Amino acid sequence: MAHALKTSNDFGLTNIANGVVKAVKAVGNAIADFFVSITEAQSRSAELNSMHALSDAELATKFGITRSEITAYVFRDRMF
């Protein structure tokens, strides 16, 4: 037969499907990033609490910091 079958590209369906897949992936990535952020926040909160429970001498000995430097120490990778 001389007629070619129309593919989904002829109707733009493949482009639409690709767009939908990209959108779903973007939403999935955003949700995953959200949960990673929550986990990191909980971890940092626990670290802050445990460091505040230490004495000034323990902070100085174990971490080389004062009480006023705890937050900067816990968030050192986020601060510049």
PDB file of N, CA and C in Angstrom:
ATOM      1  N   MET A   1       0.828  -1.168   0.000  1.00  0.00           N
ATOM      2  CA  MET A   1       0.000   0.000   0.000  1.00  0.00           C
ATOM      3  C   MET A   1       0.882   1.244   0.000  1.00  0.00           C
ATOM      4  N   ALA A   2       0.532   2.234  -0.756  1.00  0.00           N
ATOM      5  CA  ALA A   2       1.365   3.415  -0.936  1.00  0.00           C
ATOM      6  C   ALA A   2       1.171   4.455   0.148  1.00  0.00           C
ATOM      7  N   HIS A   3       0.121   4.328   0.916  1.00  0.00           N
ATOM      8  CA  HIS A   3      -0.138   5.325   1.957  1.00  0.00           C
ATOM      9  C   HIS A   3       0.631   4.991   3.226  1.00  0.00           C
ATOM     10  N   ALA A   4       1.245   6.006   3.776  1.00  0.00           N
ATOM     11  CA  ALA A   4       1.944   5.817   5.056  1.00  0.00           C
ATOM     12  C   ALA A   4       0.949   6.017   6.197  1.00  0.00           C
ATOM     13  N   LEU A   5       1.092   5.210   7.206  1.00  0.00           N
ATOM     14  CA  LEU A   5       0.241   5.388   8.376  1.00  0.00           C
ATOM     15  C   LEU A   5       0.662   6.637   9.129  1.00  0.00           C
ATOM     16  N   LYS A   6      -0.335   7.346   9.610  1.00  0.00           N
ATOM     17  CA  LYS A   6      -0.018   8.538  10.389  1.00  0.00           C
ATOM     18  C   LYS A   6       0.449   8.106  11.776  1.00  0.00           C
ATOM     19  N   THR A   7       1.518   8.714  12.205  1.00  0.00           N
ATOM     20  CA  THR A   7       2.024   8.417  13.541  1.00  0.00           C
ATOM     21  C   THR A   7       1.480   9.453  14.508  1.00  0.00           C
ATOM     22  N   SER A   8       1.697   9.216  15.770  1.00  0.00           N
ATOM     23  CA  SER A   8       1.220  10.166  16.766  1.00  0.00           C
ATOM     24  C   SER A   8       1.892  11.528  16.602  1.00  0.00           C
ATOM     25  N   ASN A   9       3.097  11.566  16.010  1.00  0.00           N
ATOM     26  CA  ASN A   9       3.770  12.834  15.753  1.00  0.00           C
ATOM     27  C   ASN A   9       2.968  13.695  14.792  1.00  0.00           C
ATOM     28  N   ASP A  10       2.277  13.058  13.858  1.00  0.00           N
ATOM     29  CA  ASP A  10       1.488  13.814  12.890  1.00  0.00           C
ATOM     30  C   ASP A  10       0.359  14.585  13.570  1.00  0.00           C
ATOM     31  N   PHE A  11      -0.067  14.122  14.705  1.00  0.00           N
ATOM     32  CA  PHE A  11      -1.152  14.784  15.422  1.00  0.00           C
ATOM     33  C   PHE A  11      -0.647  15.607  16.604  1.00  0.00           C
ATOM     34  N   GLY A  12       0.638  15.591  16.859  1.00  0.00           N
ATOM     35  CA  GLY A  12       1.204  16.321  17.981  1.00  0.00           C
ATOM     36  C   GLY A  12       1.009  15.620  19.315  1.00  0.00           C
ATOM     37  N   LEU A  13       0.514  14.393  19.274  1.00  0.00           N
ATOM     38  CA  LEU A  13       0.261  13.677  20.534  1.00  0.00           C
ATOM     39  C   LEU A  13       1.546  13.343  21.271  1.00  0.00           C
ATOM     40  N   THR A  14       2.586  13.019  20.541  1.00  0.00           N
ATOM     41  CA  THR A  14       3.849  12.690  21.199  1.00  0.00           C
ATOM     42  C   THR A  14       4.382  13.906  21.950  1.00  0.00           C
ATOM     43  N   ASN A  15       4.286  15.072  21.342  1.00  0.00           N
ATOM     44  CA  ASN A  15       4.752  16.287  22.016  1.00  0.00           C
ATOM     45  C   ASN A  15       3.920  16.575  23.257  1.00  0.00           C
ATOM     46  N   ILE A  16       2.627  16.357  23.166  1.00  0.00           N
ATOM     47  CA  ILE A  16       1.759  16.568  24.319  1.00  0.00           C
ATOM     48  C   ILE A  16       2.103  15.564  25.412  1.00  0.00           C
ATOM     49  N   ALA A  17       2.270  14.304  25.031  1.00  0.00           N
ATOM     50  CA  ALA A  17       2.608  13.270  26.011  1.00  0.00           C
ATOM     51  C   ALA A  17       3.946  13.575  26.669  1.00  0.00           C
ATOM     52  N   ASN A  18       4.919  14.010  25.887  1.00  0.00           N
ATOM     53  CA  ASN A  18       6.222  14.368  26.450  1.00  0.00           C
ATOM     54  C   ASN A  18       6.092  15.530  27.427  1.00  0.00           C
ATOM     55  N   GLY A  19       5.246  16.485  27.075  1.00  0.00           N
ATOM     56  CA  GLY A  19       5.016  17.620  27.972  1.00  0.00           C
ATOM     57  C   GLY A  19       4.372  17.187  29.276  1.00  0.00           C
ATOM     58  N   VAL A  20       3.415  16.271  29.178  1.00  0.00           N
ATOM     59  CA  VAL A  20       2.751  15.773  30.376  1.00  0.00           C
ATOM     60  C   VAL A  20       3.740  15.002  31.242  1.00  0.00           C
ATOM     61  N   VAL A  21       4.557  14.166  30.620  1.00  0.00           N
ATOM     62  CA  VAL A  21       5.550  13.399  31.373  1.00  0.00           C
ATOM     63  C   VAL A  21       6.530  14.339  32.068  1.00  0.00           C
ATOM     64  N   LYS A  22       6.981  15.373  31.379  1.00  0.00           N
ATOM     65  CA  LYS A  22       7.903  16.344  31.992  1.00  0.00           C
ATOM     66  C   LYS A  22       7.238  17.058  33.159  1.00  0.00           C
ATOM     67  N   ALA A  23       5.958  17.409  32.993  1.00  0.00           N
ATOM     68  CA  ALA A  23       5.244  18.100  34.071  1.00  0.00           C
ATOM     69  C   ALA A  23       5.090  17.193  35.289  1.00  0.00           C
ATOM     70  N   VAL A  24       4.747  15.939  35.061  1.00  0.00           N
ATOM     71  CA  VAL A  24       4.591  14.991  36.166  1.00  0.00           C
ATOM     72  C   VAL A  24       5.931  14.785  36.870  1.00  0.00           C
ATOM     73  N   LYS A  25       7.008  14.677  36.090  1.00  0.00           N
ATOM     74  CA  LYS A  25       8.338  14.529  36.696  1.00  0.00           C
ATOM     75  C   LYS A  25       8.699  15.757  37.525  1.00  0.00           C
ATOM     76  N   ALA A  26       8.375  16.946  37.013  1.00  0.00           N
ATOM     77  CA  ALA A  26       8.680  18.183  37.739  1.00  0.00           C
ATOM     78  C   ALA A  26       7.924  18.235  39.062  1.00  0.00           C
ATOM     79  N   VAL A  27       6.664  17.833  39.039  1.00  0.00           N
ATOM     80  CA  VAL A  27       5.875  17.814  40.271  1.00  0.00           C
ATOM     81  C   VAL A  27       6.458  16.782  41.239  1.00  0.00           C
ATOM     82  N   GLY A  28       6.810  15.615  40.726  1.00  0.00           N
ATOM     83  CA  GLY A  28       7.419  14.581  41.563  1.00  0.00           C
ATOM     84  C   GLY A  28       8.717  15.050  42.188  1.00  0.00           C
ATOM     85  N   ASN A  29       9.535  15.725  41.397  1.00  0.00           N
ATOM     86  CA  ASN A  29      10.806  16.253  41.922  1.00  0.00           C
ATOM     87  C   ASN A  29      10.563  17.319  42.990  1.00  0.00           C
ATOM     88  N   ALA A  30       9.554  18.165  42.771  1.00  0.00           N
ATOM     89  CA  ALA A  30       9.245  19.203  43.751  1.00  0.00           C
ATOM     90  C   ALA A  30       8.785  18.578  45.067  1.00  0.00           C
ATOM     91  N   ILE A  31       7.975  17.534  44.975  1.00  0.00           N
ATOM     92  CA  ILE A  31       7.506  16.850  46.187  1.00  0.00           C
ATOM     93  C   ILE A  31       8.681  16.189  46.907  1.00  0.00           C
ATOM     94  N   ALA A  32       9.554  15.551  46.148  1.00  0.00           N
ATOM     95  CA  ALA A  32      10.730  14.911  46.751  1.00  0.00           C
ATOM     96  C   ALA A  32      11.620  15.952  47.429  1.00  0.00           C
ATOM     97  N   ASP A  33      11.838  17.083  46.762  1.00  0.00           N
ATOM     98  CA  ASP A  33      12.646  18.160  47.352  1.00  0.00           C
ATOM     99  C   ASP A  33      12.022  18.675  48.647  1.00  0.00           C
ATOM    100  N   PHE A  34      10.696  18.764  48.663  1.00  0.00           N
ATOM    101  CA  PHE A  34       9.982  19.211  49.858  1.00  0.00           C
ATOM    102  C   PHE A  34      10.254  18.271  51.030  1.00  0.00           C
ATOM    103  N   PHE A  35      10.160  16.975  50.784  1.00  0.00           N
ATOM    104  CA  PHE A  35      10.389  16.022  51.863  1.00  0.00           C
ATOM    105  C   PHE A  35      11.849  15.996  52.308  1.00  0.00           C
ATOM    106  N   VAL A  36      12.761  16.210  51.390  1.00  0.00           N
ATOM    107  CA  VAL A  36      14.179  16.304  51.758  1.00  0.00           C
ATOM    108  C   VAL A  36      14.387  17.520  52.661  1.00  0.00           C
ATOM    109  N   SER A  37      13.748  18.632  52.312  1.00  0.00           N
ATOM    110  CA  SER A  37      13.861  19.845  53.127  1.00  0.00           C
ATOM    111  C   SER A  37      13.320  19.629  54.532  1.00  0.00           C
ATOM    112  N   ILE A  38      12.197  18.931  54.634  1.00  0.00           N
ATOM    113  CA  ILE A  38      11.619  18.643  55.953  1.00  0.00           C
ATOM    114  C   ILE A  38      12.567  17.776  56.764  1.00  0.00           C
ATOM    115  N   THR A  39      13.129  16.761  56.133  1.00  0.00           N
ATOM    116  CA  THR A  39      14.062  15.870  56.824  1.00  0.00           C
ATOM    117  C   THR A  39      15.285  16.630  57.303  1.00  0.00           C
ATOM    118  N   GLU A  40      15.819  17.498  56.432  1.00  0.00           N
ATOM    119  CA  GLU A  40      16.983  18.300  56.828  1.00  0.00           C
ATOM    120  C   GLU A  40      16.640  19.227  57.987  1.00  0.00           C
ATOM    121  N   ALA A  41      15.465  19.841  57.946  1.00  0.00           N
ATOM    122  CA  ALA A  41      15.061  20.758  59.012  1.00  0.00           C
ATOM    123  C   ALA A  41      14.926  20.013  60.336  1.00  0.00           C
ATOM    124  N   GLN A  42      14.351  18.820  60.299  1.00  0.00           N
ATOM    125  CA  GLN A  42      14.218  18.036  61.522  1.00  0.00           C
ATOM    126  C   GLN A  42      15.590  17.649  62.067  1.00  0.00           C
ATOM    127  N   SER A  43      16.498  17.290  61.179  1.00  0.00           N
ATOM    128  CA  SER A  43      17.843  16.915  61.596  1.00  0.00           C
ATOM    129  C   SER A  43      18.562  18.102  62.235  1.00  0.00           C
ATOM    130  N   ARG A  44      18.447  19.258  61.619  1.00  0.00           N
ATOM    131  CA  ARG A  44      19.104  20.453  62.157  1.00  0.00           C
ATOM    132  C   ARG A  44      18.481  20.856  63.493  1.00  0.00           C
ATOM    133  N   SER A  45      17.181  20.715  63.582  1.00  0.00           N
ATOM    134  CA  SER A  45      16.499  21.035  64.840  1.00  0.00           C
ATOM    135  C   SER A  45      16.993  20.127  65.965  1.00  0.00           C
ATOM    136  N   ALA A  46      17.131  18.854  65.666  1.00  0.00           N
ATOM    137  CA  ALA A  46      17.637  17.908  66.666  1.00  0.00           C
ATOM    138  C   ALA A  46      19.065  18.257  67.064  1.00  0.00           C
ATOM    139  N   GLU A  47      19.880  18.637  66.076  1.00  0.00           N
ATOM    140  CA  GLU A  47      21.264  19.015  66.373  1.00  0.00           C
ATOM    141  C   GLU A  47      21.312  20.275  67.236  1.00  0.00           C
ATOM    142  N   LEU A  48      20.476  21.260  66.914  1.00  0.00           N
ATOM    143  CA  LEU A  48      20.408  22.474  67.733  1.00  0.00           C
ATOM    144  C   LEU A  48      20.022  22.148  69.164  1.00  0.00           C
ATOM    145  N   ASN A  49      18.998  21.328  69.319  1.00  0.00           N
ATOM    146  CA  ASN A  49      18.535  20.965  70.663  1.00  0.00           C
ATOM    147  C   ASN A  49      19.608  20.232  71.458  1.00  0.00           C
ATOM    148  N   SER A  50      20.290  19.309  70.807  1.00  0.00           N
ATOM    149  CA  SER A  50      21.322  18.560  71.533  1.00  0.00           C
ATOM    150  C   SER A  50      22.504  19.446  71.901  1.00  0.00           C
ATOM    151  N   MET A  51      22.844  20.390  71.042  1.00  0.00           N
ATOM    152  CA  MET A  51      23.955  21.286  71.363  1.00  0.00           C
ATOM    153  C   MET A  51      23.576  22.270  72.461  1.00  0.00           C
ATOM    154  N   HIS A  52      22.320  22.734  72.455  1.00  0.00           N
ATOM    155  CA  HIS A  52      21.876  23.644  73.526  1.00  0.00           C
ATOM    156  C   HIS A  52      21.839  22.935  74.873  1.00  0.00           C
ATOM    157  N   ALA A  53      21.704  21.623  74.857  1.00  0.00           N
ATOM    158  CA  ALA A  53      21.680  20.855  76.110  1.00  0.00           C
ATOM    159  C   ALA A  53      23.073  20.697  76.716  1.00  0.00           C
ATOM    160  N   LEU A  54      24.120  20.954  75.935  1.00  0.00           N
ATOM    161  CA  LEU A  54      25.492  20.831  76.433  1.00  0.00           C
ATOM    162  C   LEU A  54      25.867  22.041  77.279  1.00  0.00           C
ATOM    163  N   SER A  55      26.831  21.850  78.131  1.00  0.00           N
ATOM    164  CA  SER A  55      27.345  22.973  78.921  1.00  0.00           C
ATOM    165  C   SER A  55      28.277  23.802  78.043  1.00  0.00           C
ATOM    166  N   ASP A  56      28.583  25.003  78.498  1.00  0.00           N
ATOM    167  CA  ASP A  56      29.503  25.862  77.750  1.00  0.00           C
ATOM    168  C   ASP A  56      30.871  25.193  77.595  1.00  0.00           C
ATOM    169  N   ALA A  57      31.308  24.516  78.640  1.00  0.00           N
ATOM    170  CA  ALA A  57      32.604  23.829  78.589  1.00  0.00           C
ATOM    171  C   ALA A  57      32.574  22.699  77.559  1.00  0.00           C
ATOM    172  N   GLU A  58      31.475  21.946  77.517  1.00  0.00           N
ATOM    173  CA  GLU A  58      31.365  20.858  76.539  1.00  0.00           C
ATOM    174  C   GLU A  58      31.343  21.388  75.109  1.00  0.00           C
ATOM    175  N   LEU A  59      30.634  22.501  74.892  1.00  0.00           N
ATOM    176  CA  LEU A  59      30.606  23.113  73.557  1.00  0.00           C
ATOM    177  C   LEU A  59      32.013  23.519  73.125  1.00  0.00           C
ATOM    178  N   ALA A  60      32.742  24.125  74.049  1.00  0.00           N
ATOM    179  CA  ALA A  60      34.101  24.571  73.739  1.00  0.00           C
ATOM    180  C   ALA A  60      35.017  23.387  73.471  1.00  0.00           C
ATOM    181  N   THR A  61      34.887  22.331  74.265  1.00  0.00           N
ATOM    182  CA  THR A  61      35.761  21.167  74.120  1.00  0.00           C
ATOM    183  C   THR A  61      35.436  20.356  72.866  1.00  0.00           C
ATOM    184  N   LYS A  62      34.163  20.044  72.669  1.00  0.00           N
ATOM    185  CA  LYS A  62      33.760  19.168  71.565  1.00  0.00           C
ATOM    186  C   LYS A  62      33.735  19.865  70.204  1.00  0.00           C
ATOM    187  N   PHE A  63      33.318  21.135  70.194  1.00  0.00           N
ATOM    188  CA  PHE A  63      33.106  21.814  68.916  1.00  0.00           C
ATOM    189  C   PHE A  63      33.949  23.069  68.734  1.00  0.00           C
ATOM    190  N   GLY A  64      34.554  23.543  69.795  1.00  0.00           N
ATOM    191  CA  GLY A  64      35.366  24.752  69.715  1.00  0.00           C
ATOM    192  C   GLY A  64      34.546  26.004  69.479  1.00  0.00           C
ATOM    193  N   ILE A  65      33.309  26.016  70.007  1.00  0.00           N
ATOM    194  CA  ILE A  65      32.422  27.164  69.809  1.00  0.00           C
ATOM    195  C   ILE A  65      31.827  27.597  71.136  1.00  0.00           C
ATOM    196  N   THR A  66      31.256  28.801  71.126  1.00  0.00           N
ATOM    197  CA  THR A  66      30.510  29.293  72.290  1.00  0.00           C
ATOM    198  C   THR A  66      29.019  29.076  72.025  1.00  0.00           C
ATOM    199  N   ARG A  67      28.223  29.275  73.048  1.00  0.00           N
ATOM    200  CA  ARG A  67      26.779  29.075  72.923  1.00  0.00           C
ATOM    201  C   ARG A  67      26.176  29.969  71.838  1.00  0.00           C
ATOM    202  N   SER A  68      26.668  31.179  71.702  1.00  0.00           N
ATOM    203  CA  SER A  68      26.126  32.109  70.712  1.00  0.00           C
ATOM    204  C   SER A  68      26.469  31.691  69.273  1.00  0.00           C
ATOM    205  N   GLU A  69      27.381  30.775  69.120  1.00  0.00           N
ATOM    206  CA  GLU A  69      27.787  30.326  67.780  1.00  0.00           C
ATOM    207  C   GLU A  69      27.114  29.021  67.339  1.00  0.00           C
ATOM    208  N   ILE A  70      26.222  28.489  68.164  1.00  0.00           N
ATOM    209  CA  ILE A  70      25.595  27.195  67.856  1.00  0.00           C
ATOM    210  C   ILE A  70      24.851  27.239  66.517  1.00  0.00           C
ATOM    211  N   THR A  71      24.005  28.231  66.333  1.00  0.00           N
ATOM    212  CA  THR A  71      23.204  28.302  65.101  1.00  0.00           C
ATOM    213  C   THR A  71      24.094  28.401  63.873  1.00  0.00           C
ATOM    214  N   ALA A  72      25.102  29.253  63.938  1.00  0.00           N
ATOM    215  CA  ALA A  72      26.020  29.381  62.802  1.00  0.00           C
ATOM    216  C   ALA A  72      26.746  28.066  62.538  1.00  0.00           C
ATOM    217  N   TYR A  73      27.081  27.338  63.588  1.00  0.00           N
ATOM    218  CA  TYR A  73      27.763  26.057  63.437  1.00  0.00           C
ATOM    219  C   TYR A  73      26.852  25.028  62.766  1.00  0.00           C
ATOM    220  N   VAL A  74      25.604  24.954  63.205  1.00  0.00           N
ATOM    221  CA  VAL A  74      24.664  23.969  62.651  1.00  0.00           C
ATOM    222  C   VAL A  74      24.338  24.281  61.190  1.00  0.00           C
ATOM    223  N   PHE A  75      24.261  25.558  60.854  1.00  0.00           N
ATOM    224  CA  PHE A  75      23.911  25.960  59.487  1.00  0.00           C
ATOM    225  C   PHE A  75      25.124  26.413  58.680  1.00  0.00           C
ATOM    226  N   ARG A  76      26.309  25.980  59.080  1.00  0.00           N
ATOM    227  CA  ARG A  76      27.549  26.435  58.418  1.00  0.00           C
ATOM    228  C   ARG A  76      27.580  26.131  56.926  1.00  0.00           C
ATOM    229  N   ASP A  77      26.920  25.059  56.493  1.00  0.00           N
ATOM    230  CA  ASP A  77      26.917  24.733  55.064  1.00  0.00           C
ATOM    231  C   ASP A  77      25.933  25.592  54.269  1.00  0.00           C
ATOM    232  N   ARG A  78      25.052  26.303  54.953  1.00  0.00           N
ATOM    233  CA  ARG A  78      24.059  27.144  54.295  1.00  0.00           C
ATOM    234  C   ARG A  78      24.420  28.630  54.358  1.00  0.00           C
ATOM    235  N   MET A  79      25.341  28.966  55.225  1.00  0.00           N
ATOM    236  CA  MET A  79      25.713  30.374  55.400  1.00  0.00           C
ATOM    237  C   MET A  79      26.989  30.666  54.616  1.00  0.00           C
ATOM    238  N   PHE A  80      27.110  31.898  54.197  1.00  0.00           N
ATOM    239  CA  PHE A  80      28.342  32.274  53.490  1.00  0.00           C
ATOM    240  C   PHE A  80      28.972  33.475  54.098  1.00  0.00           C
TER     241      PHE A  80
END
